[in-house]
Amino acid sequence: MSIKHGLLALLDQGPRYGYQLRAEFEARTGSTWPLNVGQVYTTLGRLDRDGLVAPDGEDGEGHVFYRITDEGRRELQEWFDAPVARGDRPRDELAIKLAMAVTVPGVDVAAVVQSQRAHTLRALQDYTRLKARAADDDLAWQLVLESLVFQAEAEVRWLDHCESRLARRDMRAPVAAPPAAAPAPTRTPEATDTPAARRPRLRRSPR
C-alpha cells in the first residue's frame, strides 16, 4: 500500500494535520493497513521535501496543517492513471515459506499447508461476516473487504493445488529397495576336510 499516495489523496480534499490523516486513512481502509502517527509525519516530511505538499498554518492546539501542491496533484493523478506493477507489491511470505519447506529435509510440508489453509479459512469467514455488516453506502470499505475475500479464496485454491502437487510427487518417489541379503560366509578348507582326510583310516593289526 502506498502511504505516500494515500495521504496525497486525502490532502486533495483539503488541508489536514497528521492525526486527522491517520484517522481518515484507517477509516477508509477499514483499519486493514493501520498506520502509526510517526509514519504519517515521516511521510509528510518527505512529501514536503519533494514539493508535493506544503505547511498550511496551525490551529490553536499547535497542529500543523498540510495542503497538497500543484506538483502533488500531478503526482496523485499519475498514480491513479498507472497500473500497480506486480513487482512493486510486497513479497509473498507464504510462497517463500513453502518454497523453502519443500527443499529443507525434515519439514512436514503437508502440515504446513494444512495449518495455513485452516488459518486462511478462518480469515475468510471473518471477512465475509464483516462484508455482511458493512453499510450499503460505504463503498470504499466494501471494495477493500471484497479484495480481501478474493485474495483469501485464491489462497485456499492455491493451497489445494500445492497439496495435490505434493501428493503426486510422493507417488512418483522411488521406493527404497530392501537391503540385500548378506552373502553366505566362505568356508575355509581345513586339514581334515581334504580328500585324503575324508578316506577311512586303516587300523594296523597288532603284531
Protein backbone atom coordinates (compact mmCIF):
# COMPACT_ATOMS: atom_id res chain seq x y z
CA MET A 1 0.00 0.00 0.00
CA SER A 2 1.38 3.43 -0.96
CA ILE A 3 1.08 5.57 2.16
CA LYS A 4 2.50 8.48 0.22
CA HIS A 5 -0.24 8.48 -2.40
CA GLY A 6 -2.94 7.66 0.12
CA LEU A 7 -2.06 10.81 2.07
CA LEU A 8 -1.97 12.86 -1.13
CA ALA A 9 -5.46 11.61 -1.98
CA LEU A 10 -6.74 12.78 1.42
CA LEU A 11 -4.99 16.14 1.19
CA ASP A 12 -6.51 16.67 -2.25
CA GLN A 13 -9.82 17.14 -0.41
CA GLY A 14 -8.48 19.86 1.86
CA PRO A 15 -5.71 20.65 4.39
CA ARG A 16 -5.30 18.27 7.30
CA TYR A 17 -2.83 17.56 10.08
CA GLY A 18 -1.16 14.26 10.95
CA TYR A 19 -3.68 12.74 13.37
CA GLN A 20 -6.56 13.59 11.04
CA LEU A 21 -4.77 11.94 8.12
CA ARG A 22 -4.11 8.77 10.11
CA ALA A 23 -7.73 8.53 11.30
CA GLU A 24 -9.17 9.09 7.81
CA PHE A 25 -6.71 6.71 6.18
CA GLU A 26 -7.66 3.90 8.58
CA ALA A 27 -11.38 4.69 8.31
CA ARG A 28 -11.34 4.44 4.51
CA THR A 29 -9.41 1.17 4.52
CA GLY A 30 -11.27 -0.35 7.48
CA SER A 31 -8.01 -0.38 9.51
CA THR A 32 -6.77 -3.10 7.18
CA TRP A 33 -3.49 -1.18 6.85
CA PRO A 34 -3.09 0.50 10.25
CA LEU A 35 -0.70 3.43 10.47
CA ASN A 36 1.07 4.93 13.42
CA VAL A 37 1.28 8.69 13.57
CA GLY A 38 5.07 8.54 13.27
CA GLN A 39 4.70 7.01 9.79
CA VAL A 40 2.30 9.78 8.82
CA TYR A 41 4.59 12.61 9.91
CA THR A 42 7.66 10.96 8.40
CA THR A 43 5.82 10.65 5.07
CA LEU A 44 4.59 14.25 5.30
CA GLY A 45 8.18 15.37 5.81
CA ARG A 46 9.26 13.58 2.63
CA LEU A 47 6.32 14.95 0.67
CA ASP A 48 7.19 18.45 1.87
CA ARG A 49 10.84 17.93 0.91
CA ASP A 50 9.79 16.80 -2.60
CA GLY A 51 7.45 19.77 -3.07
CA LEU A 52 4.28 17.63 -3.15
CA VAL A 53 2.76 19.20 0.00
CA ALA A 54 3.36 22.40 1.93
CA PRO A 55 2.60 23.57 5.51
CA ASP A 56 -0.67 25.47 5.73
CA GLY A 57 -0.72 27.03 9.19
CA GLU A 58 -1.54 25.76 12.69
CA ASP A 59 -4.61 25.55 14.85
CA GLY A 60 -4.91 26.72 18.44
CA GLU A 61 -3.54 23.44 19.74
CA GLY A 62 -0.37 23.61 17.66
CA HIS A 63 -1.39 21.07 14.99
CA VAL A 64 0.45 21.81 11.72
CA PHE A 65 -1.84 21.55 8.70
CA TYR A 66 -0.58 20.49 5.27
CA ARG A 67 -2.02 21.18 1.84
CA ILE A 68 -1.33 19.48 -1.46
CA THR A 69 0.61 21.45 -4.10
CA ASP A 70 0.08 21.50 -7.86
CA GLU A 71 3.03 19.14 -8.21
CA GLY A 72 1.41 16.87 -5.65
CA ARG A 73 -1.82 16.79 -7.67
CA ARG A 74 0.11 15.82 -10.79
CA GLU A 75 1.84 13.03 -8.83
CA LEU A 76 -1.51 11.83 -7.49
CA GLN A 77 -3.12 11.79 -10.95
CA GLU A 78 -0.18 9.80 -12.36
CA TRP A 79 -0.65 7.28 -9.56
CA PHE A 80 -4.34 6.87 -10.34
CA ASP A 81 -3.64 6.56 -14.08
CA ALA A 82 -0.84 3.96 -13.86
CA PRO A 83 -1.47 0.27 -13.06
CA VAL A 84 0.16 -1.18 -9.97
CA ALA A 85 3.13 -3.25 -11.13
CA ARG A 86 3.16 -6.76 -9.67
CA GLY A 87 6.88 -6.45 -8.96
CA ASP A 88 6.16 -3.47 -6.70
CA ARG A 89 3.94 -5.45 -4.36
CA PRO A 90 5.28 -6.92 -1.10
CA ARG A 91 6.91 -10.34 -1.27
CA ASP A 92 4.55 -13.24 -0.66
CA GLU A 93 5.84 -14.73 2.58
CA LEU A 94 3.66 -17.84 2.23
CA ALA A 95 5.07 -18.68 -1.22
CA ILE A 96 8.60 -18.21 0.12
CA LYS A 97 7.84 -20.39 3.17
CA LEU A 98 6.53 -23.28 1.06
CA ALA A 99 9.37 -22.96 -1.43
CA MET A 100 11.81 -23.35 1.45
CA ALA A 101 9.81 -26.10 3.15
CA VAL A 102 9.92 -28.41 0.13
CA THR A 103 13.71 -28.08 -0.05
CA VAL A 104 14.61 -28.40 3.64
CA PRO A 105 14.90 -32.01 4.86
CA GLY A 106 12.70 -32.98 7.78
CA VAL A 107 9.96 -30.37 7.24
CA ASP A 108 6.40 -31.74 7.17
CA VAL A 109 5.21 -29.71 4.17
CA ALA A 110 1.71 -31.19 4.26
CA ALA A 111 1.31 -29.99 7.84
CA VAL A 112 2.46 -26.50 6.82
CA VAL A 113 -0.16 -26.43 4.05
CA GLN A 114 -2.96 -27.70 6.32
CA SER A 115 -2.14 -25.19 9.06
CA GLN A 116 -2.16 -22.31 6.58
CA ARG A 117 -5.42 -23.46 5.00
CA ALA A 118 -7.16 -23.52 8.41
CA HIS A 119 -5.88 -20.02 9.17
CA THR A 120 -6.94 -18.63 5.78
CA LEU A 121 -10.40 -20.18 6.04
CA ARG A 122 -10.91 -18.53 9.43
CA ALA A 123 -9.86 -15.19 7.95
CA LEU A 124 -12.21 -15.72 5.01
CA GLN A 125 -15.11 -16.30 7.41
CA ASP A 126 -14.22 -13.09 9.28
CA TYR A 127 -14.11 -11.06 6.05
CA THR A 128 -17.43 -12.49 4.94
CA ARG A 129 -19.06 -11.55 8.26
CA LEU A 130 -17.64 -8.01 8.05
CA LYS A 131 -18.91 -7.65 4.49
CA ALA A 132 -22.40 -8.71 5.57
CA ARG A 133 -22.40 -6.00 8.27
CA ALA A 134 -20.85 -3.25 6.10
CA ALA A 135 -23.12 -0.33 5.32
CA ASP A 136 -24.53 -0.30 1.80
CA ASP A 137 -23.30 3.25 1.20
CA ASP A 138 -19.74 2.56 2.41
CA LEU A 139 -18.40 1.56 -0.99
CA ALA A 140 -14.74 2.14 -0.09
CA TRP A 141 -14.86 -0.34 2.82
CA GLN A 142 -16.84 -2.87 0.78
CA LEU A 143 -14.24 -2.78 -2.01
CA VAL A 144 -11.43 -3.38 0.49
CA LEU A 145 -13.30 -6.30 2.04
CA GLU A 146 -14.10 -7.84 -1.33
CA SER A 147 -10.43 -7.62 -2.26
CA LEU A 148 -9.52 -9.48 0.95
CA VAL A 149 -12.22 -12.10 0.30
CA PHE A 150 -10.98 -12.75 -3.25
CA GLN A 151 -7.36 -12.96 -2.05
CA ALA A 152 -8.28 -15.45 0.68
CA GLU A 153 -10.31 -17.59 -1.74
CA ALA A 154 -7.42 -17.59 -4.22
CA GLU A 155 -5.00 -18.57 -1.45
CA VAL A 156 -7.17 -21.55 -0.44
CA ARG A 157 -7.31 -22.72 -4.07
CA TRP A 158 -3.54 -22.36 -4.37
CA LEU A 159 -3.01 -24.35 -1.16
CA ASP A 160 -5.25 -27.11 -2.55
CA HIS A 161 -3.09 -27.09 -5.69
CA CYS A 162 0.09 -27.31 -3.57
CA GLU A 163 -1.31 -30.29 -1.68
CA SER A 164 -2.11 -32.07 -4.97
CA ARG A 165 1.40 -31.41 -6.27
CA LEU A 166 2.90 -32.81 -3.07
CA ALA A 167 0.75 -35.94 -3.34
CA ARG A 168 1.83 -36.53 -6.96
CA ARG A 169 5.46 -36.02 -6.02
CA ASP A 170 5.20 -38.56 -3.21
CA MET A 171 3.56 -41.10 -5.55
CA ARG A 172 6.44 -40.75 -8.01
CA ALA A 173 9.12 -41.04 -5.35
CA PRO A 174 11.15 -44.28 -5.83
CA VAL A 175 10.51 -46.96 -3.25
CA ALA A 176 13.65 -47.92 -1.39
CA ALA A 177 14.77 -51.47 -2.24
CA PRO A 178 15.07 -53.89 0.69
CA PRO A 179 18.63 -54.44 1.85
CA ALA A 180 20.42 -57.22 0.01
CA ALA A 181 20.95 -60.44 1.92
CA ALA A 182 24.43 -60.87 3.22
CA PRO A 183 26.47 -63.43 1.20
CA ALA A 184 26.99 -66.80 2.83
CA PRO A 185 30.36 -66.96 4.53
CA THR A 186 33.02 -68.78 2.58
CA ARG A 187 34.19 -71.84 4.43
CA THR A 188 37.91 -72.14 4.66
CA PRO A 189 39.05 -75.73 3.99
CA GLU A 190 40.72 -77.30 6.90
CA ALA A 191 43.21 -80.10 7.01
CA THR A 192 40.55 -82.58 7.99
CA ASP A 193 38.45 -81.58 5.01
CA THR A 194 40.85 -82.76 2.31
CA PRO A 195 40.06 -85.83 0.18
CA ALA A 196 42.79 -87.70 1.91
CA ALA A 197 41.37 -86.82 5.27
CA ARG A 198 37.92 -87.98 4.22
CA ARG A 199 39.16 -91.54 3.33
CA PRO A 200 38.64 -94.11 6.11
CA ARG A 201 41.68 -94.83 8.12
CA LEU A 202 43.02 -98.38 8.20
CA ARG A 203 43.82 -99.80 11.53
CA ARG A 204 47.07 -101.61 11.90
CA SER A 205 46.86 -105.15 13.15
CA PRO A 206 48.77 -105.75 16.30
CA ARG A 207 51.90 -107.71 15.77
